[in-house]
Amino acid sequence: MKSRFQWFLLLALTLFLSSCVHVISKDLRIKSDSTVTLGQVRQNPNAFKGKMLVWGGEIIETVNQNDGTTQIEVYQRPLGWREEPQETTASEGRFLILADKYLDPYLFRSGKKITVAGEILGEMIKPLGEMDYRYPILSSKQIYLWPEYYYRPYPYTYFDPWWGYPYGWGGIGFGYYYFPHYYHYRHHRH
């Protein structure tokens, strides 16, 4: 019994510590300036050339260039303590990531969350709707693409009377639901 408890405690501690790890390397975090905001850089990108920053947000578009590089347009979001872009309406605008290699647009598709550590190269002015928009360009040193999480409610209840067996919870059970086409039915009814 004691060895099971120790194994469980070790597993729980490992999972807890792995969830506390930063996604950007310590070396790059130390070199980056967390006081510089996207709003400041957008006003005068050339004044921040060479500055190392960690930014993140949601991918708008990924475009592979003829020279083998990849340009990613990102809608900026504030970062949490692990550098994960937060689900919030707060944003200071858009920026571009320039990666020095091919990145698959399917993996780096619109809507996915991304965190990047990189150096300010300057700016690029591109049309956004009917206006010209000033995009700061960040040359990537490290990119982290966040995994997607799905929540699926279930249409039928499943009761498991042996849940927890043999550790003392057998017979209590629990229920959950399964709706495999919940999104389709809810949002695409005719």
N, C-alpha and C. Protein backbone atom coordinates (compact mmCIF):
# COMPACT_ATOMS: atom_id res chain seq x y z
N MET A 1 0.83 -1.19 0.00
CA MET A 1 0.00 0.00 0.00
C MET A 1 0.87 1.26 0.00
N LYS A 2 1.97 1.21 0.81
CA LYS A 2 2.84 2.36 0.91
C LYS A 2 3.50 2.68 -0.44
N SER A 3 3.94 1.65 -1.16
CA SER A 3 4.60 1.89 -2.45
C SER A 3 3.62 2.47 -3.47
N ARG A 4 2.34 2.06 -3.43
CA ARG A 4 1.34 2.65 -4.32
C ARG A 4 1.16 4.13 -4.03
N PHE A 5 1.11 4.47 -2.76
CA PHE A 5 0.95 5.87 -2.39
C PHE A 5 2.15 6.69 -2.84
N GLN A 6 3.35 6.16 -2.65
CA GLN A 6 4.55 6.87 -3.07
C GLN A 6 4.57 7.04 -4.59
N TRP A 7 4.16 6.01 -5.31
CA TRP A 7 4.11 6.10 -6.78
C TRP A 7 3.10 7.15 -7.21
N PHE A 8 1.93 7.16 -6.57
CA PHE A 8 0.89 8.14 -6.89
C PHE A 8 1.39 9.55 -6.58
N LEU A 9 2.05 9.73 -5.44
CA LEU A 9 2.56 11.04 -5.05
C LEU A 9 3.62 11.53 -6.04
N LEU A 10 4.51 10.63 -6.47
CA LEU A 10 5.54 10.97 -7.44
C LEU A 10 4.91 11.37 -8.78
N LEU A 11 3.91 10.64 -9.22
CA LEU A 11 3.22 10.96 -10.47
C LEU A 11 2.52 12.31 -10.37
N ALA A 12 1.82 12.56 -9.26
CA ALA A 12 1.14 13.84 -9.08
C ALA A 12 2.13 15.00 -9.05
N LEU A 13 3.25 14.82 -8.38
CA LEU A 13 4.27 15.86 -8.32
C LEU A 13 4.88 16.13 -9.69
N THR A 14 5.13 15.07 -10.45
CA THR A 14 5.68 15.21 -11.81
C THR A 14 4.71 15.99 -12.70
N LEU A 15 3.42 15.64 -12.65
CA LEU A 15 2.43 16.34 -13.46
C LEU A 15 2.31 17.80 -13.05
N PHE A 16 2.35 18.05 -11.74
CA PHE A 16 2.26 19.42 -11.25
C PHE A 16 3.46 20.25 -11.72
N LEU A 17 4.65 19.71 -11.58
CA LEU A 17 5.85 20.45 -11.97
C LEU A 17 5.91 20.66 -13.48
N SER A 18 5.46 19.68 -14.26
CA SER A 18 5.49 19.86 -15.71
C SER A 18 4.51 20.93 -16.16
N SER A 19 3.44 21.13 -15.39
CA SER A 19 2.49 22.19 -15.75
C SER A 19 3.01 23.57 -15.36
N CYS A 20 4.07 23.63 -14.57
CA CYS A 20 4.63 24.91 -14.12
C CYS A 20 5.79 25.38 -14.98
N VAL A 21 6.18 24.62 -15.97
CA VAL A 21 7.36 24.93 -16.78
C VAL A 21 7.03 26.03 -17.80
N HIS A 22 7.97 26.96 -17.94
CA HIS A 22 7.82 28.00 -18.96
C HIS A 22 8.08 27.38 -20.34
N VAL A 23 7.43 27.92 -21.36
CA VAL A 23 7.59 27.37 -22.71
C VAL A 23 8.74 28.02 -23.47
N ILE A 24 9.20 29.16 -23.01
CA ILE A 24 10.35 29.84 -23.62
C ILE A 24 11.56 29.59 -22.72
N SER A 25 12.70 29.32 -23.33
CA SER A 25 13.90 28.97 -22.57
C SER A 25 14.30 30.09 -21.61
N LYS A 26 14.93 29.70 -20.52
CA LYS A 26 15.35 30.65 -19.49
C LYS A 26 16.32 31.67 -20.07
N ASP A 27 17.22 31.23 -20.93
CA ASP A 27 18.21 32.12 -21.54
C ASP A 27 17.53 33.24 -22.31
N LEU A 28 16.53 32.89 -23.12
CA LEU A 28 15.83 33.92 -23.90
C LEU A 28 14.96 34.80 -23.02
N ARG A 29 14.37 34.23 -21.97
CA ARG A 29 13.55 35.04 -21.05
C ARG A 29 14.43 36.08 -20.34
N ILE A 30 15.66 35.68 -19.97
CA ILE A 30 16.57 36.61 -19.29
C ILE A 30 16.97 37.74 -20.23
N LYS A 31 17.21 37.42 -21.50
CA LYS A 31 17.63 38.43 -22.48
C LYS A 31 16.49 39.36 -22.91
N SER A 32 15.24 38.91 -22.74
CA SER A 32 14.12 39.71 -23.24
C SER A 32 13.73 40.82 -22.26
N ASP A 33 13.13 41.87 -22.81
CA ASP A 33 12.68 43.01 -22.03
C ASP A 33 11.16 42.95 -21.90
N SER A 34 10.68 42.58 -20.73
CA SER A 34 9.23 42.40 -20.53
C SER A 34 8.50 43.73 -20.35
N THR A 35 9.24 44.84 -20.25
CA THR A 35 8.59 46.14 -20.06
C THR A 35 8.16 46.77 -21.38
N VAL A 36 8.70 46.28 -22.49
CA VAL A 36 8.38 46.86 -23.81
C VAL A 36 7.10 46.24 -24.33
N THR A 37 6.14 47.10 -24.67
CA THR A 37 4.85 46.62 -25.16
C THR A 37 4.75 46.76 -26.68
N LEU A 38 3.81 46.03 -27.24
CA LEU A 38 3.57 46.12 -28.68
C LEU A 38 3.15 47.54 -29.07
N GLY A 39 2.35 48.18 -28.23
CA GLY A 39 1.92 49.55 -28.50
C GLY A 39 3.09 50.50 -28.63
N GLN A 40 4.09 50.35 -27.76
CA GLN A 40 5.29 51.20 -27.83
C GLN A 40 6.07 50.94 -29.11
N VAL A 41 6.24 49.68 -29.45
CA VAL A 41 7.02 49.32 -30.63
C VAL A 41 6.32 49.78 -31.90
N ARG A 42 4.99 49.67 -31.95
CA ARG A 42 4.24 50.09 -33.15
C ARG A 42 4.43 51.57 -33.43
N GLN A 43 4.61 52.38 -32.40
CA GLN A 43 4.79 53.82 -32.61
C GLN A 43 6.11 54.14 -33.30
N ASN A 44 7.16 53.38 -32.95
CA ASN A 44 8.47 53.64 -33.55
C ASN A 44 9.30 52.35 -33.54
N PRO A 45 9.02 51.41 -34.45
CA PRO A 45 9.72 50.12 -34.44
C PRO A 45 11.23 50.24 -34.57
N ASN A 46 11.71 51.21 -35.33
CA ASN A 46 13.15 51.34 -35.54
C ASN A 46 13.91 51.68 -34.26
N ALA A 47 13.23 52.30 -33.30
CA ALA A 47 13.87 52.64 -32.03
C ALA A 47 14.11 51.39 -31.18
N PHE A 48 13.43 50.31 -31.49
CA PHE A 48 13.55 49.07 -30.70
C PHE A 48 14.29 47.96 -31.46
N LYS A 49 14.89 48.30 -32.59
CA LYS A 49 15.62 47.28 -33.37
C LYS A 49 16.65 46.57 -32.51
N GLY A 50 16.67 45.24 -32.65
CA GLY A 50 17.64 44.44 -31.89
C GLY A 50 17.18 44.06 -30.51
N LYS A 51 16.08 44.63 -30.03
CA LYS A 51 15.56 44.33 -28.69
C LYS A 51 14.93 42.94 -28.69
N MET A 52 15.25 42.12 -27.68
CA MET A 52 14.69 40.78 -27.54
C MET A 52 13.40 40.87 -26.74
N LEU A 53 12.33 40.26 -27.27
CA LEU A 53 11.02 40.32 -26.63
C LEU A 53 10.35 38.95 -26.67
N VAL A 54 9.40 38.76 -25.76
CA VAL A 54 8.54 37.57 -25.77
C VAL A 54 7.11 38.07 -25.90
N TRP A 55 6.48 37.72 -27.02
CA TRP A 55 5.10 38.11 -27.29
C TRP A 55 4.31 36.88 -27.67
N GLY A 56 3.01 37.04 -27.69
CA GLY A 56 2.17 35.93 -28.11
C GLY A 56 0.80 36.41 -28.52
N GLY A 57 0.01 35.47 -28.99
CA GLY A 57 -1.35 35.80 -29.40
C GLY A 57 -1.94 34.68 -30.22
N GLU A 58 -2.81 35.09 -31.13
CA GLU A 58 -3.55 34.15 -31.97
C GLU A 58 -3.12 34.34 -33.43
N ILE A 59 -2.83 33.25 -34.09
CA ILE A 59 -2.41 33.32 -35.49
C ILE A 59 -3.56 33.78 -36.37
N ILE A 60 -3.27 34.75 -37.24
CA ILE A 60 -4.24 35.20 -38.23
C ILE A 60 -3.97 34.51 -39.55
N GLU A 61 -2.69 34.50 -39.96
CA GLU A 61 -2.33 33.91 -41.25
C GLU A 61 -0.86 33.51 -41.24
N THR A 62 -0.57 32.40 -41.92
CA THR A 62 0.81 31.94 -42.10
C THR A 62 1.10 31.85 -43.59
N VAL A 63 2.17 32.52 -44.02
CA VAL A 63 2.51 32.56 -45.45
C VAL A 63 3.97 32.13 -45.62
N ASN A 64 4.19 31.11 -46.46
CA ASN A 64 5.55 30.69 -46.79
C ASN A 64 6.08 31.57 -47.91
N GLN A 65 7.32 32.05 -47.74
CA GLN A 65 7.94 32.96 -48.69
C GLN A 65 8.80 32.18 -49.69
N ASN A 66 9.09 32.80 -50.84
CA ASN A 66 9.93 32.17 -51.87
C ASN A 66 11.35 31.88 -51.39
N ASP A 67 11.83 32.65 -50.42
CA ASP A 67 13.21 32.46 -49.95
C ASP A 67 13.32 31.37 -48.87
N GLY A 68 12.23 30.64 -48.59
CA GLY A 68 12.27 29.55 -47.60
C GLY A 68 11.91 29.97 -46.19
N THR A 69 11.63 31.25 -45.98
CA THR A 69 11.21 31.72 -44.67
C THR A 69 9.68 31.65 -44.56
N THR A 70 9.18 31.85 -43.37
CA THR A 70 7.74 31.86 -43.13
C THR A 70 7.38 33.12 -42.38
N GLN A 71 6.31 33.77 -42.83
CA GLN A 71 5.81 34.97 -42.17
C GLN A 71 4.48 34.64 -41.51
N ILE A 72 4.36 34.92 -40.21
CA ILE A 72 3.14 34.64 -39.47
C ILE A 72 2.57 35.95 -38.95
N GLU A 73 1.33 36.23 -39.30
CA GLU A 73 0.65 37.41 -38.77
C GLU A 73 -0.09 37.00 -37.50
N VAL A 74 0.12 37.76 -36.43
CA VAL A 74 -0.42 37.40 -35.11
C VAL A 74 -1.25 38.54 -34.54
N TYR A 75 -2.40 38.19 -33.99
CA TYR A 75 -3.21 39.13 -33.22
C TYR A 75 -2.74 39.02 -31.78
N GLN A 76 -2.10 40.05 -31.26
CA GLN A 76 -1.45 40.01 -29.95
C GLN A 76 -2.46 39.84 -28.82
N ARG A 77 -2.06 39.03 -27.83
CA ARG A 77 -2.81 38.85 -26.59
C ARG A 77 -1.81 38.95 -25.43
N PRO A 78 -2.26 39.44 -24.27
CA PRO A 78 -1.36 39.45 -23.10
C PRO A 78 -0.99 38.03 -22.70
N LEU A 79 0.23 37.86 -22.18
CA LEU A 79 0.71 36.54 -21.80
C LEU A 79 0.52 36.30 -20.30
N GLY A 80 0.21 35.05 -19.97
CA GLY A 80 0.14 34.63 -18.57
C GLY A 80 1.53 34.31 -18.06
N TRP A 81 1.61 33.78 -16.85
CA TRP A 81 2.92 33.56 -16.23
C TRP A 81 3.74 32.47 -16.90
N ARG A 82 3.09 31.56 -17.66
CA ARG A 82 3.85 30.56 -18.43
C ARG A 82 4.05 31.00 -19.87
N GLU A 83 3.73 32.24 -20.18
CA GLU A 83 3.78 32.82 -21.52
C GLU A 83 2.66 32.33 -22.43
N GLU A 84 1.57 31.86 -21.86
CA GLU A 84 0.43 31.44 -22.68
C GLU A 84 -0.45 32.65 -22.97
N PRO A 85 -0.81 32.89 -24.24
CA PRO A 85 -1.72 33.99 -24.55
C PRO A 85 -3.05 33.79 -23.83
N GLN A 86 -3.52 34.86 -23.19
CA GLN A 86 -4.73 34.78 -22.40
C GLN A 86 -5.98 35.01 -23.25
N GLU A 87 -7.06 34.33 -22.85
CA GLU A 87 -8.35 34.50 -23.51
C GLU A 87 -8.96 35.80 -22.99
N THR A 88 -8.71 36.88 -23.68
CA THR A 88 -9.20 38.19 -23.26
C THR A 88 -9.40 39.06 -24.49
N THR A 89 -10.18 40.10 -24.33
CA THR A 89 -10.37 41.02 -25.46
C THR A 89 -9.25 42.04 -25.56
N ALA A 90 -8.42 42.13 -24.51
CA ALA A 90 -7.32 43.09 -24.51
C ALA A 90 -6.27 42.72 -25.56
N SER A 91 -5.92 43.68 -26.39
CA SER A 91 -4.89 43.49 -27.39
C SER A 91 -4.32 44.84 -27.77
N GLU A 92 -3.04 44.85 -28.13
CA GLU A 92 -2.41 46.07 -28.59
C GLU A 92 -2.22 46.08 -30.10
N GLY A 93 -2.83 45.12 -30.77
CA GLY A 93 -2.76 45.12 -32.23
C GLY A 93 -2.17 43.85 -32.80
N ARG A 94 -1.51 44.00 -33.93
CA ARG A 94 -0.96 42.87 -34.67
C ARG A 94 0.55 43.03 -34.85
N PHE A 95 1.21 41.90 -35.03
CA PHE A 95 2.63 41.92 -35.35
C PHE A 95 2.95 40.74 -36.26
N LEU A 96 4.13 40.77 -36.85
CA LEU A 96 4.57 39.71 -37.74
C LEU A 96 5.74 38.96 -37.12
N ILE A 97 5.72 37.63 -37.29
CA ILE A 97 6.85 36.80 -36.92
C ILE A 97 7.52 36.38 -38.22
N LEU A 98 8.83 36.49 -38.28
CA LEU A 98 9.59 36.00 -39.42
C LEU A 98 10.42 34.82 -38.95
N ALA A 99 10.08 33.62 -39.43
CA ALA A 99 10.82 32.40 -39.10
C ALA A 99 11.77 32.09 -40.25
N ASP A 100 12.98 31.67 -39.93
CA ASP A 100 13.98 31.45 -40.98
C ASP A 100 13.88 30.06 -41.61
N LYS A 101 12.73 29.42 -41.50
CA LYS A 101 12.53 28.10 -42.10
C LYS A 101 11.06 27.94 -42.50
N TYR A 102 10.81 26.86 -43.20
CA TYR A 102 9.46 26.54 -43.62
C TYR A 102 8.66 26.03 -42.42
N LEU A 103 7.50 26.63 -42.19
CA LEU A 103 6.57 26.16 -41.17
C LEU A 103 5.26 25.83 -41.87
N ASP A 104 4.74 24.66 -41.62
CA ASP A 104 3.54 24.20 -42.32
C ASP A 104 2.32 25.05 -41.94
N PRO A 105 1.67 25.68 -42.91
CA PRO A 105 0.50 26.51 -42.62
C PRO A 105 -0.67 25.74 -42.02
N TYR A 106 -0.69 24.41 -42.21
CA TYR A 106 -1.75 23.63 -41.58
C TYR A 106 -1.54 23.59 -40.06
N LEU A 107 -0.30 23.35 -39.64
CA LEU A 107 -0.01 23.31 -38.20
C LEU A 107 -0.11 24.71 -37.59
N PHE A 108 0.37 25.71 -38.33
CA PHE A 108 0.36 27.09 -37.86
C PHE A 108 -0.84 27.81 -38.49
N ARG A 109 -2.01 27.24 -38.28
CA ARG A 109 -3.21 27.77 -38.94
C ARG A 109 -3.90 28.85 -38.09
N SER A 110 -4.77 29.56 -38.75
CA SER A 110 -5.52 30.65 -38.13
C SER A 110 -6.26 30.17 -36.88
N GLY A 111 -6.18 30.97 -35.83
CA GLY A 111 -6.90 30.66 -34.60
C GLY A 111 -6.06 29.98 -33.53
N LYS A 112 -4.92 29.40 -33.92
CA LYS A 112 -4.09 28.72 -32.92
C LYS A 112 -3.29 29.74 -32.10
N LYS A 113 -3.07 29.40 -30.84
CA LYS A 113 -2.29 30.28 -29.97
C LYS A 113 -0.80 30.01 -30.15
N ILE A 114 -0.03 31.11 -30.10
CA ILE A 114 1.41 31.01 -30.34
C ILE A 114 2.14 31.96 -29.39
N THR A 115 3.33 31.53 -28.96
CA THR A 115 4.22 32.39 -28.18
C THR A 115 5.58 32.37 -28.88
N VAL A 116 6.19 33.55 -28.97
CA VAL A 116 7.47 33.65 -29.68
C VAL A 116 8.43 34.51 -28.88
N ALA A 117 9.70 34.09 -28.88
CA ALA A 117 10.78 34.92 -28.37
C ALA A 117 11.57 35.33 -29.60
N GLY A 118 11.80 36.61 -29.75
CA GLY A 118 12.51 37.07 -30.94
C GLY A 118 13.03 38.48 -30.81
N GLU A 119 13.69 38.88 -31.86
CA GLU A 119 14.37 40.17 -31.91
C GLU A 119 13.63 41.07 -32.90
N ILE A 120 13.44 42.33 -32.52
CA ILE A 120 12.77 43.29 -33.41
C ILE A 120 13.68 43.60 -34.60
N LEU A 121 13.13 43.36 -35.81
CA LEU A 121 13.88 43.66 -37.04
C LEU A 121 13.56 45.03 -37.60
N GLY A 122 12.37 45.52 -37.30
CA GLY A 122 11.91 46.78 -37.87
C GLY A 122 10.41 46.71 -38.06
N GLU A 123 9.95 47.18 -39.22
CA GLU A 123 8.51 47.21 -39.47
C GLU A 123 8.20 46.89 -40.92
N MET A 124 6.94 46.55 -41.15
CA MET A 124 6.43 46.37 -42.51
C MET A 124 5.05 47.02 -42.54
N ILE A 125 4.81 47.82 -43.55
CA ILE A 125 3.50 48.44 -43.69
C ILE A 125 2.73 47.65 -44.75
N LYS A 126 1.58 47.11 -44.32
CA LYS A 126 0.75 46.30 -45.20
C LYS A 126 -0.69 46.81 -45.12
N PRO A 127 -1.45 46.60 -46.18
CA PRO A 127 -2.86 46.99 -46.10
C PRO A 127 -3.64 46.10 -45.14
N LEU A 128 -4.50 46.71 -44.37
CA LEU A 128 -5.43 46.02 -43.48
C LEU A 128 -6.78 46.65 -43.71
N GLY A 129 -7.60 45.95 -44.49
CA GLY A 129 -8.85 46.57 -44.95
C GLY A 129 -8.51 47.67 -45.92
N GLU A 130 -9.00 48.88 -45.66
CA GLU A 130 -8.73 50.02 -46.55
C GLU A 130 -7.64 50.93 -46.01
N MET A 131 -6.97 50.51 -44.94
CA MET A 131 -5.92 51.36 -44.38
C MET A 131 -4.57 50.67 -44.44
N ASP A 132 -3.51 51.44 -44.30
CA ASP A 132 -2.16 50.89 -44.19
C ASP A 132 -1.87 50.69 -42.71
N TYR A 133 -1.37 49.50 -42.37
CA TYR A 133 -1.13 49.14 -40.97
C TYR A 133 0.35 48.89 -40.76
N ARG A 134 0.88 49.41 -39.66
CA ARG A 134 2.30 49.26 -39.32
C ARG A 134 2.48 48.01 -38.45
N TYR A 135 3.15 47.00 -39.02
CA TYR A 135 3.42 45.75 -38.32
C TYR A 135 4.86 45.71 -37.84
N PRO A 136 5.10 45.62 -36.54
CA PRO A 136 6.46 45.33 -36.09
C PRO A 136 6.83 43.91 -36.51
N ILE A 137 8.07 43.69 -36.91
CA ILE A 137 8.52 42.36 -37.33
C ILE A 137 9.46 41.80 -36.26
N LEU A 138 9.13 40.60 -35.82
CA LEU A 138 9.92 39.90 -34.81
C LEU A 138 10.61 38.71 -35.47
N SER A 139 11.93 38.71 -35.47
CA SER A 139 12.69 37.57 -36.00
C SER A 139 12.71 36.48 -34.92
N SER A 140 12.12 35.34 -35.21
CA SER A 140 11.93 34.32 -34.18
C SER A 140 13.23 33.63 -33.79
N LYS A 141 13.42 33.48 -32.50
CA LYS A 141 14.51 32.68 -31.93
C LYS A 141 13.95 31.38 -31.36
N GLN A 142 12.71 31.44 -30.86
CA GLN A 142 12.01 30.25 -30.36
C GLN A 142 10.52 30.49 -30.49
N ILE A 143 9.83 29.48 -31.03
CA ILE A 143 8.38 29.55 -31.20
C ILE A 143 7.75 28.38 -30.45
N TYR A 144 6.66 28.68 -29.77
CA TYR A 144 5.89 27.62 -29.12
C TYR A 144 4.46 27.71 -29.61
N LEU A 145 3.98 26.62 -30.20
CA LEU A 145 2.61 26.53 -30.68
C LEU A 145 1.81 25.78 -29.62
N TRP A 146 0.80 26.43 -29.08
CA TRP A 146 0.03 25.85 -27.98
C TRP A 146 -0.92 24.76 -28.48
N PRO A 147 -1.06 23.67 -27.71
CA PRO A 147 -1.99 22.62 -28.12
C PRO A 147 -3.43 23.12 -28.02
N GLU A 148 -4.28 22.53 -28.83
CA GLU A 148 -5.70 22.89 -28.80
C GLU A 148 -6.42 21.99 -27.80
N TYR A 149 -7.30 22.60 -27.05
CA TYR A 149 -8.09 21.86 -26.07
C TYR A 149 -9.54 21.84 -26.54
N TYR A 150 -10.15 20.69 -26.44
CA TYR A 150 -11.54 20.54 -26.86
C TYR A 150 -12.39 20.12 -25.69
N TYR A 151 -13.59 20.69 -25.63
CA TYR A 151 -14.57 20.25 -24.65
C TYR A 151 -15.74 19.68 -25.43
N ARG A 152 -16.07 18.45 -25.15
CA ARG A 152 -17.19 17.82 -25.84
C ARG A 152 -18.20 17.31 -24.83
N PRO A 153 -19.36 17.95 -24.76
CA PRO A 153 -20.41 17.39 -23.92
C PRO A 153 -20.97 16.13 -24.59
N TYR A 154 -21.57 15.26 -23.83
CA TYR A 154 -22.02 13.95 -24.32
C TYR A 154 -23.54 13.82 -24.33
N PRO A 155 -24.16 13.14 -25.38
CA PRO A 155 -25.61 13.07 -25.48
C PRO A 155 -26.24 11.95 -24.64
N TYR A 156 -25.49 10.95 -24.27
CA TYR A 156 -26.08 9.91 -23.44
C TYR A 156 -25.26 9.77 -22.17
N THR A 157 -25.91 9.34 -21.12
CA THR A 157 -25.22 9.20 -19.84
C THR A 157 -24.61 7.83 -19.74
N TYR A 158 -23.39 7.78 -19.30
CA TYR A 158 -22.71 6.52 -19.05
C TYR A 158 -22.41 6.45 -17.57
N PHE A 159 -22.87 5.39 -16.92
CA PHE A 159 -22.64 5.21 -15.49
C PHE A 159 -21.70 4.05 -15.30
N ASP A 160 -20.62 4.29 -14.57
CA ASP A 160 -19.62 3.25 -14.34
C ASP A 160 -19.63 2.85 -12.87
N PRO A 161 -20.26 1.71 -12.55
CA PRO A 161 -20.35 1.31 -11.14
C PRO A 161 -19.01 0.85 -10.57
N TRP A 162 -18.02 0.59 -11.41
CA TRP A 162 -16.72 0.11 -10.93
C TRP A 162 -15.66 1.20 -10.92
N TRP A 163 -16.06 2.44 -11.12
CA TRP A 163 -15.11 3.54 -11.15
C TRP A 163 -14.32 3.57 -9.84
N GLY A 164 -13.02 3.60 -9.94
CA GLY A 164 -12.17 3.69 -8.77
C GLY A 164 -11.73 2.36 -8.20
N TYR A 165 -12.33 1.26 -8.63
CA TYR A 165 -11.97 -0.05 -8.09
C TYR A 165 -10.52 -0.35 -8.42
N PRO A 166 -9.68 -0.85 -7.61
CA PRO A 166 -9.89 -1.43 -6.28
C PRO A 166 -9.48 -0.49 -5.14
N TYR A 167 -9.52 0.83 -5.37
CA TYR A 167 -8.99 1.75 -4.36
C TYR A 167 -10.06 2.29 -3.42
N GLY A 168 -11.19 1.65 -3.32
CA GLY A 168 -12.15 2.03 -2.30
C GLY A 168 -13.34 2.83 -2.78
N TRP A 169 -13.37 3.24 -4.07
CA TRP A 169 -14.50 4.02 -4.53
C TRP A 169 -15.49 3.19 -5.33
N GLY A 170 -15.24 1.91 -5.53
CA GLY A 170 -16.10 1.05 -6.34
C GLY A 170 -17.55 1.12 -5.88
N GLY A 171 -18.44 1.17 -6.82
CA GLY A 171 -19.86 1.19 -6.50
C GLY A 171 -20.45 2.59 -6.49
N ILE A 172 -19.62 3.63 -6.34
CA ILE A 172 -20.15 4.99 -6.33
C ILE A 172 -20.45 5.41 -7.76
N GLY A 173 -19.46 5.28 -8.64
CA GLY A 173 -19.65 5.60 -10.05
C GLY A 173 -19.73 7.09 -10.32
N PHE A 174 -19.85 7.41 -11.59
CA PHE A 174 -20.01 8.79 -12.00
C PHE A 174 -20.67 8.79 -13.37
N GLY A 175 -21.22 9.92 -13.78
CA GLY A 175 -21.88 10.02 -15.08
C GLY A 175 -21.26 11.10 -15.92
N TYR A 176 -21.28 10.92 -17.22
CA TYR A 176 -20.84 11.96 -18.13
C TYR A 176 -21.63 11.81 -19.43
N TYR A 177 -21.59 12.84 -20.27
CA TYR A 177 -22.40 12.87 -21.48
C TYR A 177 -21.53 12.92 -22.72
N TYR A 178 -22.09 12.47 -23.82
CA TYR A 178 -21.35 12.45 -25.07
C TYR A 178 -22.22 13.00 -26.20
N PHE A 179 -21.82 14.15 -26.80
CA PHE A 179 -22.49 14.76 -27.95
C PHE A 179 -21.48 14.88 -29.08
N PRO A 180 -21.29 13.86 -29.91
CA PRO A 180 -20.24 13.94 -30.91
C PRO A 180 -20.46 15.03 -31.96
N HIS A 181 -21.70 15.41 -32.22
CA HIS A 181 -21.95 16.42 -33.25
C HIS A 181 -22.63 17.64 -32.66
N TYR A 182 -22.34 17.95 -31.41
CA TYR A 182 -22.98 19.05 -30.71
C TYR A 182 -22.78 20.36 -31.45
N TYR A 183 -21.57 20.68 -31.84
CA TYR A 183 -21.29 21.94 -32.51
C TYR A 183 -22.04 21.99 -33.84
N HIS A 184 -22.01 20.92 -34.59
CA HIS A 184 -22.65 20.88 -35.90
C HIS A 184 -24.15 21.14 -35.77
N TYR A 185 -24.81 20.46 -34.84
CA TYR A 185 -26.25 20.62 -34.69
C TYR A 185 -26.63 22.00 -34.17
N ARG A 186 -25.86 22.50 -33.27
CA ARG A 186 -26.21 23.75 -32.65
C ARG A 186 -26.01 24.95 -33.58
N HIS A 187 -24.94 24.91 -34.36
CA HIS A 187 -24.59 26.09 -35.16
C HIS A 187 -24.93 25.97 -36.64
N HIS A 188 -25.33 24.80 -37.10
CA HIS A 188 -25.56 24.65 -38.54
C HIS A 188 -26.94 24.09 -38.84
N ARG A 189 -27.93 24.37 -38.03
CA ARG A 189 -29.30 23.93 -38.32
C ARG A 189 -29.88 24.74 -39.45
N HIS A 190 -30.66 24.10 -40.27
CA HIS A 190 -31.32 24.81 -41.39
C HIS A 190 -32.78 25.03 -41.07
